[in-house]
């Protein structure tokens, strides 16, 4: 590998500092199917390295709502997760992210929402509805402070 490629790979690894993936499981949903859908967002060779956190809350009418979260704090693993997620998105969704960057980016974090039903089918796409998987991409403040939005998105594979 050339030294130029090593520098690019190194920057890409360090630009993403964390990833949090979260969704709700309602009483009418099969929790195991939701967990399997979330796992699709993690590269298969890294799935054994992640921990799935589960907690419980209750809706307005006392109905149980489970909260499923995956938190990745390791830079390299987080970068690989985001590369995998981006590779699953179609060009239209990537263009939507570019066009809506200003409302998706705040305080070194990029926010994406993936339609949960589309994830079940292994064809994830962006959605702004309620039945979504929320992805929060934590970015390294030092690495991104001098990057334009276009350059930042390109570093994430969204170009």
Protein backbone atom coordinates (compact mmCIF):
# COMPACT_ATOMS: atom_id res chain seq x y z
CA UNK A 1 0.00 0.00 0.00
CA UNK A 2 1.37 3.43 -0.88
CA UNK A 3 2.04 5.97 1.86
CA UNK A 4 -0.65 8.23 0.38
CA UNK A 5 -3.27 5.49 0.85
CA UNK A 6 -2.08 4.88 4.42
CA UNK A 7 -2.57 8.56 5.24
CA UNK A 8 -6.09 8.54 3.78
CA UNK A 9 -6.96 5.32 5.63
CA UNK A 10 -5.53 6.74 8.86
CA UNK A 11 -7.53 9.95 8.51
CA UNK A 12 -10.71 8.02 7.72
CA UNK A 13 -10.23 5.81 10.78
CA UNK A 14 -9.74 8.81 13.03
CA UNK A 15 -12.47 11.05 11.61
CA UNK A 16 -15.18 8.84 13.16
CA UNK A 17 -14.80 8.65 16.93
CA UNK A 18 -18.00 6.82 17.87
CA UNK A 19 -21.30 5.47 16.62
CA UNK A 20 -24.56 5.01 18.46
CA UNK A 21 -27.37 3.02 16.87
CA UNK A 22 -30.73 3.03 18.64
CA UNK A 23 -34.32 2.02 18.07
CA UNK A 24 -37.51 1.24 19.95
CA UNK A 25 -39.25 -2.12 20.07
CA UNK A 26 -42.99 -1.83 20.59
CA UNK A 27 -45.17 -4.57 22.07
CA UNK A 28 -46.40 -5.54 18.59
CA UNK A 29 -42.85 -6.17 17.32
CA UNK A 30 -40.64 -9.23 17.61
CA UNK A 31 -37.58 -8.09 19.59
CA UNK A 32 -35.31 -10.74 18.06
CA UNK A 33 -36.17 -9.52 14.53
CA UNK A 34 -35.38 -5.95 15.52
CA UNK A 35 -32.03 -7.00 17.00
CA UNK A 36 -31.19 -8.98 13.83
CA UNK A 37 -32.07 -5.92 11.76
CA UNK A 38 -29.75 -3.72 13.84
CA UNK A 39 -26.96 -6.27 13.50
CA UNK A 40 -27.17 -5.85 9.72
CA UNK A 41 -25.69 -2.38 10.23
CA UNK A 42 -22.54 -3.94 11.72
CA UNK A 43 -20.03 -5.65 9.40
CA UNK A 44 -20.39 -9.41 9.97
CA UNK A 45 -16.75 -9.84 11.03
CA UNK A 46 -17.26 -7.27 13.84
CA UNK A 47 -20.63 -8.40 15.23
CA UNK A 48 -19.04 -10.46 17.99
CA UNK A 49 -17.22 -7.34 19.22
CA UNK A 50 -20.30 -5.23 19.84
CA UNK A 51 -22.55 -5.20 22.86
CA UNK A 52 -26.27 -4.69 22.47
CA UNK A 53 -27.81 -2.76 25.36
CA UNK A 54 -31.46 -3.21 26.20
CA UNK A 55 -33.60 -1.14 28.51
CA UNK A 56 -37.30 -0.74 29.09
CA UNK A 57 -39.67 2.18 29.26
CA UNK A 58 -43.42 2.56 29.22
CA UNK A 59 -45.70 4.44 26.86
CA UNK A 60 -48.48 6.85 27.75
CA UNK A 61 -50.96 4.01 28.19
CA UNK A 62 -48.58 1.78 30.16
CA UNK A 63 -47.47 -0.26 27.18
CA UNK A 64 -43.93 -1.61 27.37
CA UNK A 65 -41.41 -0.08 24.98
CA UNK A 66 -37.95 -1.62 24.79
CA UNK A 67 -34.98 0.49 23.81
CA UNK A 68 -32.19 -1.28 21.92
CA UNK A 69 -28.79 0.44 21.60
CA UNK A 70 -25.44 -0.35 20.14
CA UNK A 71 -22.62 1.97 21.20
CA UNK A 72 -19.23 1.80 19.51
CA UNK A 73 -16.49 3.92 21.10
CA UNK A 74 -13.49 2.38 19.31
CA UNK A 75 -12.40 4.66 16.44
CA UNK A 76 -11.45 1.87 14.06
CA UNK A 77 -14.57 -0.19 14.71
CA UNK A 78 -16.80 2.91 14.49
CA UNK A 79 -15.20 3.85 11.17
CA UNK A 80 -15.80 0.35 9.81
CA UNK A 81 -19.42 0.41 10.96
CA UNK A 82 -20.03 3.73 9.19
CA UNK A 83 -18.29 2.54 6.02
CA UNK A 84 -20.59 -0.49 6.07
CA UNK A 85 -23.74 1.58 6.67
CA UNK A 86 -22.81 4.02 3.89
CA UNK A 87 -22.13 1.13 1.50
CA UNK A 88 -25.69 -0.12 2.09
CA UNK A 89 -27.29 3.21 1.16
CA UNK A 90 -28.26 3.95 -2.42
CA UNK A 91 -27.11 7.02 -4.33
CA UNK A 92 -30.38 8.86 -3.75
CA UNK A 93 -30.00 8.58 0.04
CA UNK A 94 -26.40 9.77 -0.21
CA UNK A 95 -27.58 12.79 -2.21
CA UNK A 96 -30.25 13.47 0.41
CA UNK A 97 -27.60 13.41 3.15
CA UNK A 98 -25.49 15.88 1.15
CA UNK A 99 -28.46 18.16 0.50
CA UNK A 100 -29.65 18.07 4.11
CA UNK A 101 -26.22 18.14 5.78
CA UNK A 102 -26.87 21.40 7.62
CA UNK A 103 -29.85 19.97 9.51
CA UNK A 104 -28.18 16.59 10.14
CA UNK A 105 -24.91 17.94 11.56
CA UNK A 106 -24.53 19.53 14.98
CA UNK A 107 -21.68 19.72 17.50
CA UNK A 108 -19.41 17.22 15.72
CA UNK A 109 -22.22 14.71 15.26
CA UNK A 110 -23.98 13.57 12.12
CA UNK A 111 -27.53 12.25 12.58
CA UNK A 112 -29.14 9.68 10.28
CA UNK A 113 -32.49 7.93 10.54
CA UNK A 114 -33.00 4.62 8.73
CA UNK A 115 -36.42 3.13 8.03
CA UNK A 116 -36.72 0.05 10.25
CA UNK A 117 -38.89 -1.90 7.79
CA UNK A 118 -36.37 -1.37 4.98
CA UNK A 119 -33.62 -2.63 7.28
CA UNK A 120 -35.55 -5.87 7.86
CA UNK A 121 -35.34 -6.36 4.09
CA UNK A 122 -31.60 -5.54 4.02
CA UNK A 123 -32.31 -2.49 1.83
CA UNK A 124 -31.97 0.39 4.29
CA UNK A 125 -33.02 3.86 3.27
CA UNK A 126 -33.34 7.20 5.02
CA UNK A 127 -36.61 8.10 6.67
CA UNK A 128 -37.86 10.89 8.90
CA UNK A 129 -40.81 8.96 10.31
CA UNK A 130 -41.24 7.46 13.77
CA UNK A 131 -40.44 3.79 13.07
CA UNK A 132 -36.74 4.32 12.48
CA UNK A 133 -33.29 3.29 13.58
CA UNK A 134 -31.38 6.36 14.73
CA UNK A 135 -27.67 6.54 13.98
CA UNK A 136 -25.49 9.16 15.63
CA UNK A 137 -22.01 9.41 14.15
CA UNK A 138 -19.56 11.06 16.52
CA UNK A 139 -16.76 12.84 14.66
CA UNK A 140 -13.30 13.79 15.85
CA UNK A 141 -13.45 17.57 16.43
CA UNK A 142 -9.77 18.10 15.69
CA UNK A 143 -9.87 16.16 12.42
CA UNK A 144 -12.99 17.89 11.08
CA UNK A 145 -12.49 21.48 12.20
CA UNK A 146 -10.92 22.58 8.89
CA UNK A 147 -12.99 20.37 6.59
CA UNK A 148 -15.77 21.68 4.38
CA UNK A 149 -19.04 19.76 4.51
CA UNK A 150 -18.29 18.26 1.06
CA UNK A 151 -14.85 17.08 2.16
CA UNK A 152 -16.23 15.68 5.42
CA UNK A 153 -18.92 13.73 3.59
CA UNK A 154 -16.36 12.48 1.08
CA UNK A 155 -14.21 11.21 3.97
CA UNK A 156 -17.26 9.30 5.20
CA UNK A 157 -17.81 7.79 1.75
CA UNK A 158 -20.79 9.97 0.92
CA UNK A 159 -19.90 11.61 -2.38
